[in-house]
PDB file of all heavy atoms in Angstrom:
ATOM      1  N   THR A   1      -6.827  -8.712 -19.055  1.00  0.00           N
ATOM      2  CA  THR A   1      -6.258  -8.027 -20.223  1.00  0.00           C
ATOM      3  C   THR A   1      -7.356  -7.457 -21.122  1.00  0.00           C
ATOM      4  O   THR A   1      -7.069  -6.717 -22.062  1.00  0.00           O
ATOM      5  CB  THR A   1      -5.392  -8.992 -21.060  1.00  0.00           C
ATOM      6  OG1 THR A   1      -6.228 -10.039 -21.583  1.00  0.00           O
ATOM      7  CG2 THR A   1      -4.270  -9.586 -20.226  1.00  0.00           C
ATOM      8  N   LEU A   2      -8.617  -7.807 -20.839  1.00  0.00           N
ATOM      9  CA  LEU A   2      -9.731  -7.331 -21.658  1.00  0.00           C
ATOM     10  C   LEU A   2     -10.054  -5.871 -21.337  1.00  0.00           C
ATOM     11  O   LEU A   2      -9.649  -5.337 -20.301  1.00  0.00           O
ATOM     12  CB  LEU A   2     -10.969  -8.210 -21.425  1.00  0.00           C
ATOM     13  CG  LEU A   2     -10.817  -9.708 -21.720  1.00  0.00           C
ATOM     14  CD1 LEU A   2     -12.099 -10.437 -21.382  1.00  0.00           C
ATOM     15  CD2 LEU A   2     -10.437  -9.934 -23.181  1.00  0.00           C
ATOM     16  N   GLU A   3     -10.757  -5.263 -22.236  1.00  0.00           N
ATOM     17  CA  GLU A   3     -11.236  -3.900 -21.997  1.00  0.00           C
ATOM     18  C   GLU A   3     -12.665  -3.951 -21.460  1.00  0.00           C
ATOM     19  O   GLU A   3     -13.398  -4.886 -21.760  1.00  0.00           O
ATOM     20  CB  GLU A   3     -11.209  -3.101 -23.310  1.00  0.00           C
ATOM     21  CG  GLU A   3      -9.813  -2.844 -23.819  1.00  0.00           C
ATOM     22  CD  GLU A   3      -9.815  -2.004 -25.075  1.00  0.00           C
ATOM     23  OE1 GLU A   3     -10.933  -1.726 -25.607  1.00  0.00           O
ATOM     24  OE2 GLU A   3      -8.740  -1.632 -25.542  1.00  0.00           O
ATOM     25  N   PRO A   4     -13.088  -2.951 -20.666  1.00  0.00           N
ATOM     26  CA  PRO A   4     -12.326  -1.780 -20.231  1.00  0.00           C
ATOM     27  C   PRO A   4     -11.231  -2.128 -19.225  1.00  0.00           C
ATOM     28  O   PRO A   4     -11.354  -3.115 -18.490  1.00  0.00           O
ATOM     29  CB  PRO A   4     -13.397  -0.888 -19.597  1.00  0.00           C
ATOM     30  CG  PRO A   4     -14.484  -1.821 -19.190  1.00  0.00           C
ATOM     31  CD  PRO A   4     -14.493  -2.930 -20.190  1.00  0.00           C
ATOM     32  N   VAL A   5     -10.179  -1.337 -19.222  1.00  0.00           N
ATOM     33  CA  VAL A   5      -9.030  -1.597 -18.351  1.00  0.00           C
ATOM     34  C   VAL A   5      -9.468  -1.568 -16.887  1.00  0.00           C
ATOM     35  O   VAL A   5     -10.198  -0.665 -16.465  1.00  0.00           O
ATOM     36  CB  VAL A   5      -7.921  -0.552 -18.591  1.00  0.00           C
ATOM     37  CG1 VAL A   5      -6.721  -0.846 -17.691  1.00  0.00           C
ATOM     38  CG2 VAL A   5      -7.508  -0.551 -20.041  1.00  0.00           C
ATOM     39  N   GLY A   6      -9.041  -2.569 -16.142  1.00  0.00           N
ATOM     40  CA  GLY A   6      -9.416  -2.676 -14.728  1.00  0.00           C
ATOM     41  C   GLY A   6     -10.460  -3.749 -14.497  1.00  0.00           C
ATOM     42  O   GLY A   6     -10.788  -4.079 -13.359  1.00  0.00           O
ATOM     43  N   ILE A   7     -10.965  -4.316 -15.600  1.00  0.00           N
ATOM     44  CA  ILE A   7     -12.001  -5.346 -15.491  1.00  0.00           C
ATOM     45  C   ILE A   7     -11.430  -6.610 -14.851  1.00  0.00           C
ATOM     46  O   ILE A   7     -10.266  -6.949 -15.045  1.00  0.00           O
ATOM     47  CB  ILE A   7     -12.591  -5.656 -16.895  1.00  0.00           C
ATOM     48  CG1 ILE A   7     -14.043  -6.113 -16.787  1.00  0.00           C
ATOM     49  CG2 ILE A   7     -11.763  -6.671 -17.641  1.00  0.00           C
ATOM     50  CD1 ILE A   7     -15.002  -5.025 -16.496  1.00  0.00           C
ATOM     51  N   GLY A   8     -12.239  -7.286 -14.070  1.00  0.00           N
ATOM     52  CA  GLY A   8     -11.819  -8.547 -13.462  1.00  0.00           C
ATOM     53  C   GLY A   8     -11.017  -8.395 -12.189  1.00  0.00           C
ATOM     54  O   GLY A   8     -10.516  -9.384 -11.642  1.00  0.00           O
ATOM     55  N   ALA A   9     -10.897  -7.165 -11.678  1.00  0.00           N
ATOM     56  CA  ALA A   9     -10.178  -6.951 -10.416  1.00  0.00           C
ATOM     57  C   ALA A   9     -10.992  -7.513  -9.263  1.00  0.00           C
ATOM     58  O   ALA A   9     -12.224  -7.589  -9.332  1.00  0.00           O
ATOM     59  CB  ALA A   9      -9.923  -5.466 -10.213  1.00  0.00           C
ATOM     60  N   ARG A  10     -10.289  -7.904  -8.205  1.00  0.00           N
ATOM     61  CA  ARG A  10     -10.977  -8.452  -7.030  1.00  0.00           C
ATOM     62  C   ARG A  10     -11.311  -7.374  -6.001  1.00  0.00           C
ATOM     63  O   ARG A  10     -12.126  -7.587  -5.124  1.00  0.00           O
ATOM     64  CB  ARG A  10     -10.123  -9.554  -6.376  1.00  0.00           C
ATOM     65  CG  ARG A  10     -10.381 -10.963  -6.837  1.00  0.00           C
ATOM     66  CD  ARG A  10      -9.719 -11.417  -8.099  1.00  0.00           C
ATOM     67  NE  ARG A  10      -8.337 -11.155  -8.386  1.00  0.00           N
ATOM     68  CZ  ARG A  10      -7.358 -12.074  -8.416  1.00  0.00           C
ATOM     69  NH1 ARG A  10      -7.644 -13.315  -8.117  1.00  0.00           N
ATOM     70  NH2 ARG A  10      -6.130 -11.758  -8.781  1.00  0.00           N
ATOM     71  N   ASP A  11     -10.644  -6.238  -6.080  1.00  0.00           N
ATOM     72  CA  ASP A  11     -10.919  -5.126  -5.161  1.00  0.00           C
ATOM     73  C   ASP A  11     -10.470  -3.825  -5.816  1.00  0.00           C
ATOM     74  O   ASP A  11      -9.895  -3.815  -6.913  1.00  0.00           O
ATOM     75  CB  ASP A  11     -10.234  -5.330  -3.808  1.00  0.00           C
ATOM     76  CG  ASP A  11      -8.737  -5.594  -3.939  1.00  0.00           C
ATOM     77  OD1 ASP A  11      -8.110  -5.002  -4.851  1.00  0.00           O
ATOM     78  OD2 ASP A  11      -8.188  -6.389  -3.164  1.00  0.00           O
ATOM     79  N   LEU A  12     -10.713  -2.709  -5.140  1.00  0.00           N
ATOM     80  CA  LEU A  12     -10.382  -1.397  -5.688  1.00  0.00           C
ATOM     81  C   LEU A  12      -8.881  -1.252  -5.917  1.00  0.00           C
ATOM     82  O   LEU A  12      -8.459  -0.692  -6.939  1.00  0.00           O
ATOM     83  CB  LEU A  12     -10.877  -0.295  -4.743  1.00  0.00           C
ATOM     84  CG  LEU A  12     -10.552   1.148  -5.154  1.00  0.00           C
ATOM     85  CD1 LEU A  12     -11.190   1.496  -6.497  1.00  0.00           C
ATOM     86  CD2 LEU A  12     -10.992   2.135  -4.070  1.00  0.00           C
ATOM     87  N   ARG A  13      -8.090  -1.742  -4.981  1.00  0.00           N
ATOM     88  CA  ARG A  13      -6.633  -1.635  -5.124  1.00  0.00           C
ATOM     89  C   ARG A  13      -6.165  -2.281  -6.422  1.00  0.00           C
ATOM     90  O   ARG A  13      -5.432  -1.669  -7.211  1.00  0.00           O
ATOM     91  CB  ARG A  13      -5.960  -2.290  -3.920  1.00  0.00           C
ATOM     92  CG  ARG A  13      -4.441  -2.386  -4.027  1.00  0.00           C
ATOM     93  CD  ARG A  13      -3.846  -3.073  -2.804  1.00  0.00           C
ATOM     94  NE  ARG A  13      -2.450  -3.428  -3.050  1.00  0.00           N
ATOM     95  CZ  ARG A  13      -2.057  -4.535  -3.669  1.00  0.00           C
ATOM     96  NH1 ARG A  13      -2.984  -5.403  -4.122  1.00  0.00           N
ATOM     97  NH2 ARG A  13      -0.780  -4.781  -3.853  1.00  0.00           N
ATOM     98  N   GLU A  14      -6.596  -3.516  -6.669  1.00  0.00           N
ATOM     99  CA  GLU A  14      -6.181  -4.229  -7.870  1.00  0.00           C
ATOM    100  C   GLU A  14      -6.705  -3.532  -9.125  1.00  0.00           C
ATOM    101  O   GLU A  14      -6.021  -3.458 -10.149  1.00  0.00           O
ATOM    102  CB  GLU A  14      -6.669  -5.680  -7.828  1.00  0.00           C
ATOM    103  CG  GLU A  14      -6.142  -6.524  -8.975  1.00  0.00           C
ATOM    104  CD  GLU A  14      -6.536  -7.991  -8.864  1.00  0.00           C
ATOM    105  OE1 GLU A  14      -7.593  -8.282  -8.250  1.00  0.00           O
ATOM    106  OE2 GLU A  14      -5.799  -8.843  -9.389  1.00  0.00           O
ATOM    107  N   CYS A  15      -7.919  -2.995  -9.054  1.00  0.00           N
ATOM    108  CA  CYS A  15      -8.523  -2.297 -10.187  1.00  0.00           C
ATOM    109  C   CYS A  15      -7.689  -1.085 -10.590  1.00  0.00           C
ATOM    110  O   CYS A  15      -7.402  -0.878 -11.778  1.00  0.00           O
ATOM    111  CB  CYS A  15      -9.943  -1.864  -9.824  1.00  0.00           C
ATOM    112  SG  CYS A  15     -10.794  -0.946 -11.119  1.00  0.00           S
ATOM    113  N   LEU A  16      -7.263  -0.273  -9.611  1.00  0.00           N
ATOM    114  CA  LEU A  16      -6.466   0.908  -9.904  1.00  0.00           C
ATOM    115  C   LEU A  16      -5.066   0.529 -10.382  1.00  0.00           C
ATOM    116  O   LEU A  16      -4.513   1.174 -11.290  1.00  0.00           O
ATOM    117  CB  LEU A  16      -6.381   1.803  -8.666  1.00  0.00           C
ATOM    118  CG  LEU A  16      -7.708   2.375  -8.157  1.00  0.00           C
ATOM    119  CD1 LEU A  16      -7.485   3.209  -6.905  1.00  0.00           C
ATOM    120  CD2 LEU A  16      -8.387   3.213  -9.234  1.00  0.00           C
ATOM    121  N   LEU A  17      -4.489  -0.512  -9.785  1.00  0.00           N
ATOM    122  CA  LEU A  17      -3.156  -0.954 -10.204  1.00  0.00           C
ATOM    123  C   LEU A  17      -3.161  -1.429 -11.649  1.00  0.00           C
ATOM    124  O   LEU A  17      -2.213  -1.180 -12.406  1.00  0.00           O
ATOM    125  CB  LEU A  17      -2.654  -2.076  -9.280  1.00  0.00           C
ATOM    126  CG  LEU A  17      -2.300  -1.662  -7.845  1.00  0.00           C
ATOM    127  CD1 LEU A  17      -1.880  -2.882  -7.030  1.00  0.00           C
ATOM    128  CD2 LEU A  17      -1.187  -0.606  -7.834  1.00  0.00           C
ATOM    129  N   LEU A  18      -4.209  -2.135 -12.057  1.00  0.00           N
ATOM    130  CA  LEU A  18      -4.321  -2.595 -13.449  1.00  0.00           C
ATOM    131  C   LEU A  18      -4.326  -1.402 -14.406  1.00  0.00           C
ATOM    132  O   LEU A  18      -3.697  -1.433 -15.474  1.00  0.00           O
ATOM    133  CB  LEU A  18      -5.600  -3.412 -13.635  1.00  0.00           C
ATOM    134  CG  LEU A  18      -5.604  -4.830 -13.059  1.00  0.00           C
ATOM    135  CD1 LEU A  18      -7.022  -5.400 -13.081  1.00  0.00           C
ATOM    136  CD2 LEU A  18      -4.652  -5.741 -13.834  1.00  0.00           C
ATOM    137  N   GLN A  19      -5.021  -0.338 -14.027  1.00  0.00           N
ATOM    138  CA  GLN A  19      -5.094   0.846 -14.886  1.00  0.00           C
ATOM    139  C   GLN A  19      -3.763   1.586 -14.921  1.00  0.00           C
ATOM    140  O   GLN A  19      -3.360   2.128 -15.959  1.00  0.00           O
ATOM    141  CB  GLN A  19      -6.217   1.762 -14.399  1.00  0.00           C
ATOM    142  CG  GLN A  19      -7.598   1.144 -14.556  1.00  0.00           C
ATOM    143  CD  GLN A  19      -8.700   2.008 -13.990  1.00  0.00           C
ATOM    144  OE1 GLN A  19      -8.931   3.124 -14.456  1.00  0.00           O
ATOM    145  NE2 GLN A  19      -9.404   1.498 -12.994  1.00  0.00           N
ATOM    146  N   LEU A  20      -3.051   1.609 -13.792  1.00  0.00           N
ATOM    147  CA  LEU A  20      -1.746   2.264 -13.752  1.00  0.00           C
ATOM    148  C   LEU A  20      -0.714   1.475 -14.563  1.00  0.00           C
ATOM    149  O   LEU A  20       0.130   2.062 -15.258  1.00  0.00           O
ATOM    150  CB  LEU A  20      -1.286   2.416 -12.301  1.00  0.00           C
ATOM    151  CG  LEU A  20      -2.083   3.427 -11.456  1.00  0.00           C
ATOM    152  CD1 LEU A  20      -1.751   3.285  -9.984  1.00  0.00           C
ATOM    153  CD2 LEU A  20      -1.816   4.855 -11.935  1.00  0.00           C
ATOM    154  N   ARG A  21      -0.786   0.141 -14.499  1.00  0.00           N
ATOM    155  CA  ARG A  21       0.139  -0.687 -15.279  1.00  0.00           C
ATOM    156  C   ARG A  21      -0.100  -0.500 -16.770  1.00  0.00           C
ATOM    157  O   ARG A  21       0.844  -0.496 -17.563  1.00  0.00           O
ATOM    158  CB  ARG A  21      -0.035  -2.162 -14.902  1.00  0.00           C
ATOM    159  CG  ARG A  21       0.519  -2.536 -13.535  1.00  0.00           C
ATOM    160  CD  ARG A  21       0.202  -3.977 -13.204  1.00  0.00           C
ATOM    161  NE  ARG A  21       0.365  -4.247 -11.778  1.00  0.00           N
ATOM    162  CZ  ARG A  21      -0.390  -5.089 -11.091  1.00  0.00           C
ATOM    163  NH1 ARG A  21      -1.381  -5.754 -11.704  1.00  0.00           N
ATOM    164  NH2 ARG A  21      -0.177  -5.283  -9.804  1.00  0.00           N
ATOM    165  N   GLU A  22      -1.352  -0.361 -17.145  1.00  0.00           N
ATOM    166  CA  GLU A  22      -1.676  -0.157 -18.552  1.00  0.00           C
ATOM    167  C   GLU A  22      -0.992   1.102 -19.095  1.00  0.00           C
ATOM    168  O   GLU A  22      -0.633   1.168 -20.277  1.00  0.00           O
ATOM    169  CB  GLU A  22      -3.200  -0.026 -18.697  1.00  0.00           C
ATOM    170  CG  GLU A  22      -3.695   0.301 -20.092  1.00  0.00           C
ATOM    171  CD  GLU A  22      -3.504  -0.837 -21.085  1.00  0.00           C
ATOM    172  OE1 GLU A  22      -3.272  -1.989 -20.647  1.00  0.00           O
ATOM    173  OE2 GLU A  22      -3.590  -0.567 -22.299  1.00  0.00           O
ATOM    174  N   GLN A  23      -0.804   2.086 -18.214  1.00  0.00           N
ATOM    175  CA  GLN A  23      -0.153   3.341 -18.622  1.00  0.00           C
ATOM    176  C   GLN A  23       1.343   3.346 -18.309  1.00  0.00           C
ATOM    177  O   GLN A  23       2.000   4.383 -18.408  1.00  0.00           O
ATOM    178  CB  GLN A  23      -0.836   4.527 -17.920  1.00  0.00           C
ATOM    179  CG  GLN A  23      -2.316   4.656 -18.238  1.00  0.00           C
ATOM    180  CD  GLN A  23      -2.966   5.835 -17.529  1.00  0.00           C
ATOM    181  OE1 GLN A  23      -2.486   6.969 -17.618  1.00  0.00           O
ATOM    182  NE2 GLN A  23      -4.065   5.582 -16.833  1.00  0.00           N
ATOM    183  N   HIS A  24       1.869   2.159 -17.895  1.00  0.00           N
ATOM    184  CA  HIS A  24       3.302   1.989 -17.572  1.00  0.00           C
ATOM    185  C   HIS A  24       3.743   2.958 -16.478  1.00  0.00           C
ATOM    186  O   HIS A  24       4.787   3.611 -16.578  1.00  0.00           O
ATOM    187  CB  HIS A  24       4.162   2.186 -18.833  1.00  0.00           C
ATOM    188  CG  HIS A  24       3.737   1.331 -19.990  1.00  0.00           C
ATOM    189  ND1 HIS A  24       3.879  -0.049 -19.991  1.00  0.00           N
ATOM    190  CD2 HIS A  24       3.145   1.653 -21.163  1.00  0.00           C
ATOM    191  CE1 HIS A  24       3.406  -0.538 -21.130  1.00  0.00           C
ATOM    192  NE2 HIS A  24       2.942   0.475 -21.860  1.00  0.00           N
ATOM    193  N   LEU A  25       2.947   3.034 -15.427  1.00  0.00           N
ATOM    194  CA  LEU A  25       3.233   3.950 -14.320  1.00  0.00           C
ATOM    195  C   LEU A  25       3.589   3.196 -13.038  1.00  0.00           C
ATOM    196  O   LEU A  25       3.323   3.662 -11.935  1.00  0.00           O
ATOM    197  CB  LEU A  25       2.010   4.848 -14.079  1.00  0.00           C
ATOM    198  CG  LEU A  25       1.594   5.738 -15.256  1.00  0.00           C
ATOM    199  CD1 LEU A  25       0.295   6.469 -14.946  1.00  0.00           C
ATOM    200  CD2 LEU A  25       2.690   6.744 -15.602  1.00  0.00           C
ATOM    201  N   GLU A  26       4.226   2.037 -13.206  1.00  0.00           N
ATOM    202  CA  GLU A  26       4.530   1.193 -12.043  1.00  0.00           C
ATOM    203  C   GLU A  26       5.493   1.836 -11.049  1.00  0.00           C
ATOM    204  O   GLU A  26       5.514   1.461  -9.873  1.00  0.00           O
ATOM    205  CB  GLU A  26       5.127  -0.145 -12.504  1.00  0.00           C
ATOM    206  CG  GLU A  26       4.137  -1.047 -13.227  1.00  0.00           C
ATOM    207  CD  GLU A  26       4.149  -0.833 -14.722  1.00  0.00           C
ATOM    208  OE1 GLU A  26       4.571   0.264 -15.171  1.00  0.00           O
ATOM    209  OE2 GLU A  26       3.744  -1.756 -15.456  1.00  0.00           O
ATOM    210  N   HIS A  27       6.308   2.788 -11.481  1.00  0.00           N
ATOM    211  CA  HIS A  27       7.337   3.363 -10.607  1.00  0.00           C
ATOM    212  C   HIS A  27       6.979   4.773 -10.141  1.00  0.00           C
ATOM    213  O   HIS A  27       7.848   5.500  -9.649  1.00  0.00           O
ATOM    214  CB  HIS A  27       8.691   3.375 -11.333  1.00  0.00           C
ATOM    215  CG  HIS A  27       9.127   2.021 -11.807  1.00  0.00           C
ATOM    216  ND1 HIS A  27       9.456   1.001 -10.948  1.00  0.00           N
ATOM    217  CD2 HIS A  27       9.243   1.512 -13.070  1.00  0.00           C
ATOM    218  CE1 HIS A  27       9.773  -0.080 -11.642  1.00  0.00           C
ATOM    219  NE2 HIS A  27       9.647   0.199 -12.928  1.00  0.00           N
ATOM    220  N   THR A  28       5.728   5.133 -10.285  1.00  0.00           N
ATOM    221  CA  THR A  28       5.304   6.479  -9.882  1.00  0.00           C
ATOM    222  C   THR A  28       4.812   6.499  -8.441  1.00  0.00           C
ATOM    223  O   THR A  28       4.516   5.448  -7.836  1.00  0.00           O
ATOM    224  CB  THR A  28       4.181   6.991 -10.794  1.00  0.00           C
ATOM    225  OG1 THR A  28       3.055   6.112 -10.656  1.00  0.00           O
ATOM    226  CG2 THR A  28       4.631   7.022 -12.238  1.00  0.00           C
ATOM    227  N   LEU A  29       4.708   7.694  -7.897  1.00  0.00           N
ATOM    228  CA  LEU A  29       4.205   7.873  -6.534  1.00  0.00           C
ATOM    229  C   LEU A  29       2.756   7.391  -6.441  1.00  0.00           C
ATOM    230  O   LEU A  29       2.359   6.792  -5.427  1.00  0.00           O
ATOM    231  CB  LEU A  29       4.310   9.348  -6.137  1.00  0.00           C
ATOM    232  CG  LEU A  29       3.857   9.714  -4.723  1.00  0.00           C
ATOM    233  CD1 LEU A  29       4.657   8.951  -3.675  1.00  0.00           C
ATOM    234  CD2 LEU A  29       3.966  11.224  -4.510  1.00  0.00           C
ATOM    235  N   SER A  30       1.971   7.626  -7.480  1.00  0.00           N
ATOM    236  CA  SER A  30       0.575   7.188  -7.489  1.00  0.00           C
ATOM    237  C   SER A  30       0.482   5.683  -7.317  1.00  0.00           C
ATOM    238  O   SER A  30      -0.356   5.175  -6.553  1.00  0.00           O
ATOM    239  CB  SER A  30      -0.106   7.611  -8.800  1.00  0.00           C
ATOM    240  OG  SER A  30      -0.189   9.003  -8.898  1.00  0.00           O
ATOM    241  N   TYR A  31       1.342   4.956  -8.022  1.00  0.00           N
ATOM    242  CA  TYR A  31       1.323   3.494  -7.953  1.00  0.00           C
ATOM    243  C   TYR A  31       1.692   3.011  -6.546  1.00  0.00           C
ATOM    244  O   TYR A  31       1.036   2.113  -5.988  1.00  0.00           O
ATOM    245  CB  TYR A  31       2.304   2.916  -8.976  1.00  0.00           C
ATOM    246  CG  TYR A  31       2.192   1.413  -9.157  1.00  0.00           C
ATOM    247  CD1 TYR A  31       1.418   0.877 -10.175  1.00  0.00           C
ATOM    248  CD2 TYR A  31       2.847   0.527  -8.294  1.00  0.00           C
ATOM    249  CE1 TYR A  31       1.293  -0.496 -10.342  1.00  0.00           C
ATOM    250  CE2 TYR A  31       2.725  -0.839  -8.437  1.00  0.00           C
ATOM    251  CZ  TYR A  31       1.954  -1.341  -9.467  1.00  0.00           C
ATOM    252  OH  TYR A  31       1.827  -2.706  -9.610  1.00  0.00           O
ATOM    253  N   ILE A  32       2.723   3.617  -5.971  1.00  0.00           N
ATOM    254  CA  ILE A  32       3.170   3.217  -4.626  1.00  0.00           C
ATOM    255  C   ILE A  32       2.072   3.464  -3.593  1.00  0.00           C
ATOM    256  O   ILE A  32       1.818   2.636  -2.714  1.00  0.00           O
ATOM    257  CB  ILE A  32       4.459   3.981  -4.241  1.00  0.00           C
ATOM    258  CG1 ILE A  32       5.612   3.574  -5.168  1.00  0.00           C
ATOM    259  CG2 ILE A  32       4.830   3.708  -2.786  1.00  0.00           C
ATOM    260  CD1 ILE A  32       6.842   4.448  -5.035  1.00  0.00           C
ATOM    261  N   ILE A  33       1.399   4.614  -3.721  1.00  0.00           N
ATOM    262  CA  ILE A  33       0.324   4.949  -2.769  1.00  0.00           C
ATOM    263  C   ILE A  33      -0.810   3.929  -2.858  1.00  0.00           C
ATOM    264  O   ILE A  33      -1.305   3.439  -1.841  1.00  0.00           O
ATOM    265  CB  ILE A  33      -0.197   6.380  -3.029  1.00  0.00           C
ATOM    266  CG1 ILE A  33       0.858   7.411  -2.638  1.00  0.00           C
ATOM    267  CG2 ILE A  33      -1.493   6.622  -2.248  1.00  0.00           C
ATOM    268  CD1 ILE A  33       0.497   8.835  -2.995  1.00  0.00           C
ATOM    269  N   VAL A  34      -1.223   3.600  -4.077  1.00  0.00           N
ATOM    270  CA  VAL A  34      -2.311   2.619  -4.248  1.00  0.00           C
ATOM    271  C   VAL A  34      -1.871   1.251  -3.765  1.00  0.00           C
ATOM    272  O   VAL A  34      -2.628   0.546  -3.079  1.00  0.00           O
ATOM    273  CB  VAL A  34      -2.735   2.541  -5.737  1.00  0.00           C
ATOM    274  CG1 VAL A  34      -3.728   1.393  -5.949  1.00  0.00           C
ATOM    275  CG2 VAL A  34      -3.357   3.853  -6.183  1.00  0.00           C
ATOM    276  N   ASP A  35      -0.659   0.870  -4.088  1.00  0.00           N
ATOM    277  CA  ASP A  35      -0.163  -0.467  -3.758  1.00  0.00           C
ATOM    278  C   ASP A  35       0.009  -0.680  -2.258  1.00  0.00           C
ATOM    279  O   ASP A  35      -0.299  -1.752  -1.733  1.00  0.00           O
ATOM    280  CB  ASP A  35       1.163  -0.694  -4.484  1.00  0.00           C
ATOM    281  CG  ASP A  35       1.628  -2.150  -4.405  1.00  0.00           C
ATOM    282  OD1 ASP A  35       0.752  -3.041  -4.320  1.00  0.00           O
ATOM    283  OD2 ASP A  35       2.841  -2.394  -4.419  1.00  0.00           O
ATOM    284  N   GLN A  36       0.449   0.372  -1.553  1.00  0.00           N
ATOM    285  CA  GLN A  36       0.831   0.170  -0.149  1.00  0.00           C
ATOM    286  C   GLN A  36       0.050   1.024   0.858  1.00  0.00           C
ATOM    287  O   GLN A  36       0.028   0.688   2.045  1.00  0.00           O
ATOM    288  CB  GLN A  36       2.336   0.466   0.019  1.00  0.00           C
ATOM    289  CG  GLN A  36       3.228  -0.393  -0.865  1.00  0.00           C
ATOM    290  CD  GLN A  36       4.677   0.027  -0.808  1.00  0.00           C
ATOM    291  OE1 GLN A  36       5.133   0.629   0.170  1.00  0.00           O
ATOM    292  NE2 GLN A  36       5.436  -0.271  -1.852  1.00  0.00           N
ATOM    293  N   HIS A  37      -0.574   2.103   0.401  1.00  0.00           N
ATOM    294  CA  HIS A  37      -1.143   3.041   1.382  1.00  0.00           C
ATOM    295  C   HIS A  37      -2.533   3.540   0.981  1.00  0.00           C
ATOM    296  O   HIS A  37      -2.886   4.691   1.259  1.00  0.00           O
ATOM    297  CB  HIS A  37      -0.199   4.238   1.556  1.00  0.00           C
ATOM    298  CG  HIS A  37       1.206   3.871   1.874  1.00  0.00           C
ATOM    299  ND1 HIS A  37       1.602   3.386   3.108  1.00  0.00           N
ATOM    300  CD2 HIS A  37       2.321   3.893   1.086  1.00  0.00           C
ATOM    301  CE1 HIS A  37       2.893   3.145   3.086  1.00  0.00           C
ATOM    302  NE2 HIS A  37       3.365   3.432   1.871  1.00  0.00           N
ATOM    303  N   LEU A  38      -3.326   2.696   0.371  1.00  0.00           N
ATOM    304  CA  LEU A  38      -4.639   3.135  -0.114  1.00  0.00           C
ATOM    305  C   LEU A  38      -5.560   3.552   1.031  1.00  0.00           C
ATOM    306  O   LEU A  38      -6.346   4.497   0.888  1.00  0.00           O
ATOM    307  CB  LEU A  38      -5.292   2.028  -0.941  1.00  0.00           C
ATOM    308  CG  LEU A  38      -6.516   2.421  -1.778  1.00  0.00           C
ATOM    309  CD1 LEU A  38      -6.168   3.560  -2.730  1.00  0.00           C
ATOM    310  CD2 LEU A  38      -7.040   1.226  -2.554  1.00  0.00           C
ATOM    311  N   ASP A  39      -5.469   2.878   2.159  1.00  0.00           N
ATOM    312  CA  ASP A  39      -6.339   3.221   3.301  1.00  0.00           C
ATOM    313  C   ASP A  39      -6.064   4.635   3.810  1.00  0.00           C
ATOM    314  O   ASP A  39      -6.990   5.390   4.110  1.00  0.00           O
ATOM    315  CB  ASP A  39      -6.140   2.214   4.444  1.00  0.00           C
ATOM    316  CG  ASP A  39      -6.722   0.860   4.115  1.00  0.00           C
ATOM    317  OD1 ASP A  39      -7.536   0.781   3.171  1.00  0.00           O
ATOM    318  OD2 ASP A  39      -6.361  -0.126   4.778  1.00  0.00           O
ATOM    319  N   GLN A  40      -4.766   4.985   3.907  1.00  0.00           N
ATOM    320  CA  GLN A  40      -4.426   6.342   4.372  1.00  0.00           C
ATOM    321  C   GLN A  40      -4.875   7.398   3.364  1.00  0.00           C
ATOM    322  O   GLN A  40      -5.288   8.486   3.740  1.00  0.00           O
ATOM    323  CB  GLN A  40      -2.906   6.461   4.602  1.00  0.00           C
ATOM    324  CG  GLN A  40      -2.470   5.821   5.908  1.00  0.00           C
ATOM    325  CD  GLN A  40      -1.512   4.668   5.666  1.00  0.00           C
ATOM    326  OE1 GLN A  40      -1.701   3.890   4.736  1.00  0.00           O
ATOM    327  NE2 GLN A  40      -0.504   4.554   6.515  1.00  0.00           N
ATOM    328  N   LEU A  41      -4.788   7.045   2.073  1.00  0.00           N
ATOM    329  CA  LEU A  41      -5.238   7.991   1.050  1.00  0.00           C
ATOM    330  C   LEU A  41      -6.740   8.220   1.167  1.00  0.00           C
ATOM    331  O   LEU A  41      -7.217   9.349   1.029  1.00  0.00           O
ATOM    332  CB  LEU A  41      -4.899   7.457  -0.340  1.00  0.00           C
ATOM    333  CG  LEU A  41      -5.352   8.346  -1.501  1.00  0.00           C
ATOM    334  CD1 LEU A  41      -4.616   9.678  -1.480  1.00  0.00           C
ATOM    335  CD2 LEU A  41      -5.137   7.650  -2.841  1.00  0.00           C
ATOM    336  N   ALA A  42      -7.494   7.154   1.430  1.00  0.00           N
ATOM    337  CA  ALA A  42      -8.947   7.275   1.578  1.00  0.00           C
ATOM    338  C   ALA A  42      -9.306   8.216   2.719  1.00  0.00           C
ATOM    339  O   ALA A  42     -10.317   8.922   2.671  1.00  0.00           O
ATOM    340  CB  ALA A  42      -9.566   5.903   1.802  1.00  0.00           C
ATOM    341  N   GLU A  43      -8.482   8.244   3.755  1.00  0.00           N
ATOM    342  CA  GLU A  43      -8.695   9.139   4.896  1.00  0.00           C
ATOM    343  C   GLU A  43      -8.059  10.504   4.673  1.00  0.00           C
ATOM    344  O   GLU A  43      -8.116  11.352   5.553  1.00  0.00           O
ATOM    345  CB  GLU A  43      -8.118   8.502   6.171  1.00  0.00           C
ATOM    346  CG  GLU A  43      -8.829   7.236   6.620  1.00  0.00           C
ATOM    347  CD  GLU A  43     -10.261   7.494   7.023  1.00  0.00           C
ATOM    348  OE1 GLU A  43     -10.502   8.534   7.681  1.00  0.00           O
ATOM    349  OE2 GLU A  43     -11.133   6.685   6.675  1.00  0.00           O
TER     350      GLU A  43
END
């Protein structure tokens, strides 16, 4: 919960999800892609 947002994440996925939650974007396409399909996005 500390700043900067995303601090204390264990990996990139968790780091990005923390930042998306901070902006209340849990139901967006961006959130779903990071949560479930980050590897395909990287490619």
